[in-house]
Amino acid sequence: MLEITSTRSNPGIDPALHVWGWEIPLYLFVGGLVAGMMVLAGVAMLRTARGEDTKSFFSIQTPLLGFMLLNLGMLALLLDLAASPTLYDSDHMVFSADGISRSYFQFAQWSERPARSLLRLSESRLAAAGKFSSVASSSSGLRGDLLLTLRLDELYLDDTRRPGRVQLSFTATLLDWRQRRLIARRSFSGTQDAVTQDAAGLAGAASVVLGALLGELVDWAGASAAAA
């Protein structure tokens, strides 16, 4: 029996836990290091104020070195935030006014978070395609032969053009759940012109491009599972 299980929007959780990249550990390490350095620098400065140990390394070089390391840690945090797909998996809709930066619509919200909608609709489409004996979410408690994870990478309205264009992309990973083996991975991406330059246009265009990409996902998942 061949089964497929769709699960969360974070492929770093199943089948092995891998949540952070190098940026957050570096930020935490540097933060702790700088905190310790500032304590030593404070003690050294108190001794200097009393006329003791006026040439201490901790009272002179440490504050400057700590400032440089703190900037390095903040840069690592900024890199992590800039690369985080959670920007798009929010209740708020996202648009780009210059093609580079991303902003939230002030008063427009999704009725359901995009990643959750992606999982729900993909599960329905995979079940309807009849390529697998059964399709179930991991929250159902079932464990099939195959595990499909989906990660939302981008979903925003590009407001730099007329009409606006919606960009949607996500990454699918198909795993052999029992053997913990990667079968295939693919990124799906598509665009669709929006009828209007607003949140309603974003929602309508996103629905169209998502439907097309889900069709590609079903064909890819079926072919990959058969080849495995």
C-alpha atoms as a PDB file:
ATOM      1  CA  MET A   1       0.000   0.000   0.000  1.00  0.00           C
ATOM      2  CA  LEU A   2       1.361   3.395  -0.995  1.00  0.00           C
ATOM      3  CA  GLU A   3       0.388   6.302   1.203  1.00  0.00           C
ATOM      4  CA  ILE A   4       1.395   9.931   1.246  1.00  0.00           C
ATOM      5  CA  THR A   5       1.266  12.216   4.249  1.00  0.00           C
ATOM      6  CA  SER A   6       1.307  15.987   3.937  1.00  0.00           C
ATOM      7  CA  THR A   7       2.638  17.808   6.940  1.00  0.00           C
ATOM      8  CA  ARG A   8       3.606  21.240   8.273  1.00  0.00           C
ATOM      9  CA  SER A   9       5.146  24.057   6.292  1.00  0.00           C
ATOM     10  CA  ASN A  10       8.573  23.582   7.883  1.00  0.00           C
ATOM     11  CA  PRO A  11      10.674  20.785   6.376  1.00  0.00           C
ATOM     12  CA  GLY A  12      13.239  21.395   9.103  1.00  0.00           C
ATOM     13  CA  ILE A  13      11.026  19.547  11.591  1.00  0.00           C
ATOM     14  CA  ASP A  14      10.356  16.221   9.857  1.00  0.00           C
ATOM     15  CA  PRO A  15      12.012  13.794   9.645  1.00  0.00           C
ATOM     16  CA  ALA A  16      14.899  15.419  11.537  1.00  0.00           C
ATOM     17  CA  LEU A  17      14.870  18.548  13.657  1.00  0.00           C
ATOM     18  CA  HIS A  18      16.837  21.380  12.105  1.00  0.00           C
ATOM     19  CA  VAL A  19      15.320  24.742  12.908  1.00  0.00           C
ATOM     20  CA  TRP A  20      18.155  27.284  12.829  1.00  0.00           C
ATOM     21  CA  GLY A  21      20.848  28.067  10.333  1.00  0.00           C
ATOM     22  CA  TRP A  22      24.223  29.463  11.359  1.00  0.00           C
ATOM     23  CA  GLU A  23      22.926  33.009  11.860  1.00  0.00           C
ATOM     24  CA  ILE A  24      21.014  32.549  15.118  1.00  0.00           C
ATOM     25  CA  PRO A  25      23.698  30.476  16.917  1.00  0.00           C
ATOM     26  CA  LEU A  26      26.280  33.100  15.933  1.00  0.00           C
ATOM     27  CA  TYR A  27      24.023  35.896  17.187  1.00  0.00           C
ATOM     28  CA  LEU A  28      23.461  34.149  20.535  1.00  0.00           C
ATOM     29  CA  PHE A  29      27.134  33.294  20.978  1.00  0.00           C
ATOM     30  CA  VAL A  30      28.316  36.806  20.200  1.00  0.00           C
ATOM     31  CA  GLY A  31      25.636  38.282  22.481  1.00  0.00           C
ATOM     32  CA  GLY A  32      26.792  36.184  25.415  1.00  0.00           C
ATOM     33  CA  LEU A  33      30.426  36.909  24.674  1.00  0.00           C
ATOM     34  CA  VAL A  34      29.852  40.660  24.537  1.00  0.00           C
ATOM     35  CA  ALA A  35      27.841  40.564  27.781  1.00  0.00           C
ATOM     36  CA  GLY A  36      30.758  38.903  29.574  1.00  0.00           C
ATOM     37  CA  MET A  37      33.201  41.371  28.066  1.00  0.00           C
ATOM     38  CA  MET A  38      31.125  44.319  29.232  1.00  0.00           C
ATOM     39  CA  VAL A  39      31.071  42.978  32.787  1.00  0.00           C
ATOM     40  CA  LEU A  40      34.867  42.692  32.793  1.00  0.00           C
ATOM     41  CA  ALA A  41      35.186  46.124  31.193  1.00  0.00           C
ATOM     42  CA  GLY A  42      32.953  47.643  33.868  1.00  0.00           C
ATOM     43  CA  VAL A  43      35.046  46.143  36.662  1.00  0.00           C
ATOM     44  CA  ALA A  44      38.243  47.341  34.963  1.00  0.00           C
ATOM     45  CA  MET A  45      36.855  50.870  34.574  1.00  0.00           C
ATOM     46  CA  LEU A  46      35.968  51.004  38.273  1.00  0.00           C
ATOM     47  CA  ARG A  47      39.543  50.015  39.099  1.00  0.00           C
ATOM     48  CA  THR A  48      40.843  52.642  36.684  1.00  0.00           C
ATOM     49  CA  ALA A  49      38.677  55.305  38.339  1.00  0.00           C
ATOM     50  CA  ARG A  50      40.316  54.432  41.640  1.00  0.00           C
ATOM     51  CA  GLY A  51      43.773  54.770  40.156  1.00  0.00           C
ATOM     52  CA  GLU A  52      44.402  51.040  39.954  1.00  0.00           C
ATOM     53  CA  ASP A  53      45.550  49.170  36.865  1.00  0.00           C
ATOM     54  CA  THR A  54      45.209  52.132  34.484  1.00  0.00           C
ATOM     55  CA  LYS A  55      46.539  50.198  31.473  1.00  0.00           C
ATOM     56  CA  SER A  56      44.195  47.236  31.696  1.00  0.00           C
ATOM     57  CA  PHE A  57      43.206  45.621  28.414  1.00  0.00           C
ATOM     58  CA  PHE A  58      39.618  45.289  29.612  1.00  0.00           C
ATOM     59  CA  SER A  59      39.248  49.008  30.312  1.00  0.00           C
ATOM     60  CA  ILE A  60      40.654  50.208  26.988  1.00  0.00           C
ATOM     61  CA  GLN A  61      40.295  47.701  24.134  1.00  0.00           C
ATOM     62  CA  THR A  62      37.372  45.631  25.390  1.00  0.00           C
ATOM     63  CA  PRO A  63      34.584  48.252  24.932  1.00  0.00           C
ATOM     64  CA  LEU A  64      35.672  48.881  21.336  1.00  0.00           C
ATOM     65  CA  LEU A  65      35.996  45.173  20.583  1.00  0.00           C
ATOM     66  CA  GLY A  66      32.604  44.519  22.175  1.00  0.00           C
ATOM     67  CA  PHE A  67      30.984  47.169  19.985  1.00  0.00           C
ATOM     68  CA  MET A  68      32.436  45.545  16.860  1.00  0.00           C
ATOM     69  CA  LEU A  69      31.289  42.069  17.898  1.00  0.00           C
ATOM     70  CA  LEU A  70      27.833  43.386  18.746  1.00  0.00           C
ATOM     71  CA  ASN A  71      27.491  44.757  15.223  1.00  0.00           C
ATOM     72  CA  LEU A  72      28.545  41.373  13.858  1.00  0.00           C
ATOM     73  CA  GLY A  73      25.828  39.663  15.891  1.00  0.00           C
ATOM     74  CA  MET A  74      23.183  42.134  14.734  1.00  0.00           C
ATOM     75  CA  LEU A  75      24.240  41.551  11.125  1.00  0.00           C
ATOM     76  CA  ALA A  76      23.751  37.796  11.588  1.00  0.00           C
ATOM     77  CA  LEU A  77      20.297  38.412  13.061  1.00  0.00           C
ATOM     78  CA  LEU A  78      19.398  40.694  10.153  1.00  0.00           C
ATOM     79  CA  LEU A  79      20.464  38.034   7.654  1.00  0.00           C
ATOM     80  CA  ASP A  80      18.276  35.458   9.395  1.00  0.00           C
ATOM     81  CA  LEU A  81      15.247  37.750   9.426  1.00  0.00           C
ATOM     82  CA  ALA A  82      15.726  38.728   5.794  1.00  0.00           C
ATOM     83  CA  ALA A  83      15.823  35.082   4.708  1.00  0.00           C
ATOM     84  CA  SER A  84      12.972  33.889   6.897  1.00  0.00           C
ATOM     85  CA  PRO A  85       9.902  32.552   5.030  1.00  0.00           C
ATOM     86  CA  THR A  86       7.767  33.383   8.093  1.00  0.00           C
ATOM     87  CA  LEU A  87       7.467  36.897   6.656  1.00  0.00           C
ATOM     88  CA  TYR A  88       4.930  35.527   4.169  1.00  0.00           C
ATOM     89  CA  ASP A  89       3.260  33.048   6.512  1.00  0.00           C
ATOM     90  CA  SER A  90       1.453  35.758   8.423  1.00  0.00           C
ATOM     91  CA  ASP A  91      -2.115  36.919   8.839  1.00  0.00           C
ATOM     92  CA  HIS A  92      -1.097  40.112   7.021  1.00  0.00           C
ATOM     93  CA  MET A  93      -0.784  40.317   3.244  1.00  0.00           C
ATOM     94  CA  VAL A  94       2.588  41.327   1.806  1.00  0.00           C
ATOM     95  CA  PHE A  95       3.459  43.698  -1.024  1.00  0.00           C
ATOM     96  CA  SER A  96       6.631  45.190  -2.511  1.00  0.00           C
ATOM     97  CA  ALA A  97       6.655  48.832  -3.523  1.00  0.00           C
ATOM     98  CA  ASP A  98      10.186  48.830  -4.970  1.00  0.00           C
ATOM     99  CA  GLY A  99      10.792  45.202  -5.931  1.00  0.00           C
ATOM    100  CA  ILE A 100      13.339  44.745  -3.125  1.00  0.00           C
ATOM    101  CA  SER A 101      11.794  45.477   0.246  1.00  0.00           C
ATOM    102  CA  ARG A 102       8.627  43.855   1.616  1.00  0.00           C
ATOM    103  CA  SER A 103       5.822  45.479   3.588  1.00  0.00           C
ATOM    104  CA  TYR A 104       2.513  44.430   5.101  1.00  0.00           C
ATOM    105  CA  PHE A 105      -0.820  45.846   4.012  1.00  0.00           C
ATOM    106  CA  GLN A 106      -2.043  47.986   6.891  1.00  0.00           C
ATOM    107  CA  PHE A 107      -5.651  46.816   6.967  1.00  0.00           C
ATOM    108  CA  ALA A 108      -5.702  43.657   4.818  1.00  0.00           C
ATOM    109  CA  GLN A 109      -5.449  40.187   6.329  1.00  0.00           C
ATOM    110  CA  TRP A 110      -5.789  36.610   5.162  1.00  0.00           C
ATOM    111  CA  SER A 111      -8.739  34.660   6.531  1.00  0.00           C
ATOM    112  CA  GLU A 112      -6.337  31.720   6.901  1.00  0.00           C
ATOM    113  CA  ARG A 113      -2.559  31.772   7.030  1.00  0.00           C
ATOM    114  CA  PRO A 114      -1.076  31.080   3.574  1.00  0.00           C
ATOM    115  CA  ALA A 115       0.991  28.062   4.636  1.00  0.00           C
ATOM    116  CA  ARG A 116      -2.045  26.423   6.221  1.00  0.00           C
ATOM    117  CA  SER A 117      -4.093  27.081   3.095  1.00  0.00           C
ATOM    118  CA  LEU A 118      -1.309  25.617   0.956  1.00  0.00           C
ATOM    119  CA  LEU A 119      -1.294  22.409   2.998  1.00  0.00           C
ATOM    120  CA  ARG A 120      -5.067  22.064   3.098  1.00  0.00           C
ATOM    121  CA  LEU A 121      -5.524  22.641  -0.631  1.00  0.00           C
ATOM    122  CA  SER A 122      -2.601  20.420  -1.616  1.00  0.00           C
ATOM    123  CA  GLU A 123      -3.985  17.604   0.514  1.00  0.00           C
ATOM    124  CA  SER A 124      -7.364  17.915  -1.178  1.00  0.00           C
ATOM    125  CA  ARG A 125      -5.828  18.021  -4.648  1.00  0.00           C
ATOM    126  CA  LEU A 126      -3.584  15.004  -3.995  1.00  0.00           C
ATOM    127  CA  ALA A 127      -6.503  12.994  -2.633  1.00  0.00           C
ATOM    128  CA  ALA A 128      -8.700  13.895  -5.598  1.00  0.00           C
ATOM    129  CA  ALA A 129      -6.018  12.943  -8.127  1.00  0.00           C
ATOM    130  CA  GLY A 130      -6.218   9.265  -7.122  1.00  0.00           C
ATOM    131  CA  LYS A 131      -2.467   8.704  -7.549  1.00  0.00           C
ATOM    132  CA  PHE A 132      -2.086   7.448  -3.970  1.00  0.00           C
ATOM    133  CA  SER A 133      -4.021   4.913  -1.968  1.00  0.00           C
ATOM    134  CA  SER A 134      -4.594   7.447   0.789  1.00  0.00           C
ATOM    135  CA  VAL A 135      -3.606  10.980   1.700  1.00  0.00           C
ATOM    136  CA  ALA A 136      -3.650  12.247   5.272  1.00  0.00           C
ATOM    137  CA  SER A 137      -2.251  15.073   7.330  1.00  0.00           C
ATOM    138  CA  SER A 138       0.344  14.261   9.973  1.00  0.00           C
ATOM    139  CA  SER A 139      -1.991  15.714  12.597  1.00  0.00           C
ATOM    140  CA  SER A 140      -4.368  12.795  11.938  1.00  0.00           C
ATOM    141  CA  GLY A 141      -1.948  10.428  13.679  1.00  0.00           C
ATOM    142  CA  LEU A 142      -1.459   8.233  10.597  1.00  0.00           C
ATOM    143  CA  ARG A 143       1.953   7.309   9.244  1.00  0.00           C
ATOM    144  CA  GLY A 144       2.253   6.418   5.585  1.00  0.00           C
ATOM    145  CA  ASP A 145       5.077   5.198   3.400  1.00  0.00           C
ATOM    146  CA  LEU A 146       5.813   8.662   2.028  1.00  0.00           C
ATOM    147  CA  LEU A 147       6.093  12.041   3.670  1.00  0.00           C
ATOM    148  CA  LEU A 148       5.527  15.274   1.748  1.00  0.00           C
ATOM    149  CA  THR A 149       6.614  18.551   3.314  1.00  0.00           C
ATOM    150  CA  LEU A 150       5.758  21.958   1.884  1.00  0.00           C
ATOM    151  CA  ARG A 151       7.486  25.240   2.684  1.00  0.00           C
ATOM    152  CA  LEU A 152       6.057  28.560   1.599  1.00  0.00           C
ATOM    153  CA  ASP A 153       8.916  30.662   0.195  1.00  0.00           C
ATOM    154  CA  GLU A 154       7.209  33.746  -1.240  1.00  0.00           C
ATOM    155  CA  LEU A 155       3.747  35.216  -1.579  1.00  0.00           C
ATOM    156  CA  TYR A 156       3.475  38.919  -2.280  1.00  0.00           C
ATOM    157  CA  LEU A 157       2.122  41.555  -4.652  1.00  0.00           C
ATOM    158  CA  ASP A 158       4.750  43.244  -6.811  1.00  0.00           C
ATOM    159  CA  ASP A 159       3.471  46.821  -6.916  1.00  0.00           C
ATOM    160  CA  THR A 160       6.250  48.143  -9.152  1.00  0.00           C
ATOM    161  CA  ARG A 161       4.363  47.314 -12.335  1.00  0.00           C
ATOM    162  CA  ARG A 162       0.912  48.001 -13.777  1.00  0.00           C
ATOM    163  CA  PRO A 163      -1.022  45.861 -13.358  1.00  0.00           C
ATOM    164  CA  GLY A 164       0.477  44.432 -10.204  1.00  0.00           C
ATOM    165  CA  ARG A 165       1.866  40.933 -10.351  1.00  0.00           C
ATOM    166  CA  VAL A 166       1.553  38.268  -7.654  1.00  0.00           C
ATOM    167  CA  GLN A 167       4.611  36.108  -7.017  1.00  0.00           C
ATOM    168  CA  LEU A 168       4.064  32.728  -5.346  1.00  0.00           C
ATOM    169  CA  SER A 169       6.697  30.080  -4.706  1.00  0.00           C
ATOM    170  CA  PHE A 170       7.000  27.088  -2.431  1.00  0.00           C
ATOM    171  CA  THR A 171       9.330  24.112  -1.998  1.00  0.00           C
ATOM    172  CA  ALA A 172       8.145  20.510  -1.838  1.00  0.00           C
ATOM    173  CA  THR A 173      10.207  17.669  -0.390  1.00  0.00           C
ATOM    174  CA  LEU A 174       9.191  14.033  -0.797  1.00  0.00           C
ATOM    175  CA  LEU A 175      10.679  11.574   1.687  1.00  0.00           C
ATOM    176  CA  ASP A 176      10.569   7.861   2.291  1.00  0.00           C
ATOM    177  CA  TRP A 177       9.239   8.032   5.843  1.00  0.00           C
ATOM    178  CA  ARG A 178      10.197   4.515   6.871  1.00  0.00           C
ATOM    179  CA  GLN A 179      13.769   4.611   5.571  1.00  0.00           C
ATOM    180  CA  ARG A 180      14.300   8.348   6.282  1.00  0.00           C
ATOM    181  CA  ARG A 181      15.457   8.796   2.699  1.00  0.00           C
ATOM    182  CA  LEU A 182      15.093  11.787   0.406  1.00  0.00           C
ATOM    183  CA  ILE A 183      13.235  10.867  -2.767  1.00  0.00           C
ATOM    184  CA  ALA A 184      12.926  14.226  -4.491  1.00  0.00           C
ATOM    185  CA  ARG A 185      12.821  17.950  -3.867  1.00  0.00           C
ATOM    186  CA  ARG A 186      11.530  20.685  -6.135  1.00  0.00           C
ATOM    187  CA  SER A 187      10.707  24.373  -6.007  1.00  0.00           C
ATOM    188  CA  PHE A 188       7.469  25.553  -7.592  1.00  0.00           C
ATOM    189  CA  SER A 189       7.117  29.164  -8.655  1.00  0.00           C
ATOM    190  CA  GLY A 190       4.586  31.151 -10.635  1.00  0.00           C
ATOM    191  CA  THR A 191       3.261  34.631 -11.287  1.00  0.00           C
ATOM    192  CA  GLN A 192      -0.142  36.043 -12.109  1.00  0.00           C
ATOM    193  CA  ASP A 193      -1.210  39.570 -12.992  1.00  0.00           C
ATOM    194  CA  ALA A 194      -3.565  41.123 -10.465  1.00  0.00           C
ATOM    195  CA  VAL A 195      -6.775  42.737 -11.651  1.00  0.00           C
ATOM    196  CA  THR A 196      -6.451  45.537  -9.101  1.00  0.00           C
ATOM    197  CA  GLN A 197      -3.514  47.066  -7.221  1.00  0.00           C
ATOM    198  CA  ASP A 198      -4.810  46.135  -3.783  1.00  0.00           C
ATOM    199  CA  ALA A 199      -5.311  43.260  -1.363  1.00  0.00           C
ATOM    200  CA  ALA A 200      -8.314  41.958  -3.295  1.00  0.00           C
ATOM    201  CA  GLY A 201      -6.197  41.765  -6.424  1.00  0.00           C
ATOM    202  CA  LEU A 202      -3.519  39.887  -4.493  1.00  0.00           C
ATOM    203  CA  ALA A 203      -6.023  37.346  -3.182  1.00  0.00           C
ATOM    204  CA  GLY A 204      -7.597  36.734  -6.579  1.00  0.00           C
ATOM    205  CA  ALA A 205      -4.330  36.351  -8.446  1.00  0.00           C
ATOM    206  CA  ALA A 206      -2.864  34.159  -5.694  1.00  0.00           C
ATOM    207  CA  SER A 207      -5.816  31.778  -6.044  1.00  0.00           C
ATOM    208  CA  VAL A 208      -5.237  31.452  -9.787  1.00  0.00           C
ATOM    209  CA  VAL A 209      -1.486  30.842  -9.623  1.00  0.00           C
ATOM    210  CA  LEU A 210      -1.858  28.451  -6.683  1.00  0.00           C
ATOM    211  CA  GLY A 211      -4.301  26.319  -8.632  1.00  0.00           C
ATOM    212  CA  ALA A 212      -1.835  25.993 -11.487  1.00  0.00           C
ATOM    213  CA  LEU A 213       1.074  25.159  -9.193  1.00  0.00           C
ATOM    214  CA  LEU A 214      -0.928  22.537  -7.308  1.00  0.00           C
ATOM    215  CA  GLY A 215      -1.527  20.775 -10.605  1.00  0.00           C
ATOM    216  CA  GLU A 216       2.228  20.667 -11.162  1.00  0.00           C
ATOM    217  CA  LEU A 217       2.727  19.444  -7.606  1.00  0.00           C
ATOM    218  CA  VAL A 218       0.339  16.526  -8.064  1.00  0.00           C
ATOM    219  CA  ASP A 219       2.023  15.392 -11.291  1.00  0.00           C
ATOM    220  CA  TRP A 220       5.498  15.727  -9.769  1.00  0.00           C
ATOM    221  CA  ALA A 221       4.590  13.879  -6.566  1.00  0.00           C
ATOM    222  CA  GLY A 222       2.999  11.018  -8.501  1.00  0.00           C
ATOM    223  CA  ALA A 223       5.935  10.650 -10.889  1.00  0.00           C
ATOM    224  CA  SER A 224       8.510  10.873  -8.075  1.00  0.00           C
ATOM    225  CA  ALA A 225       6.702   8.304  -5.937  1.00  0.00           C
ATOM    226  CA  ALA A 226       6.393   5.897  -8.878  1.00  0.00           C
ATOM    227  CA  ALA A 227      10.085   6.263  -9.725  1.00  0.00           C
ATOM    228  CA  ALA A 228      11.093   5.550  -6.120  1.00  0.00           C
END
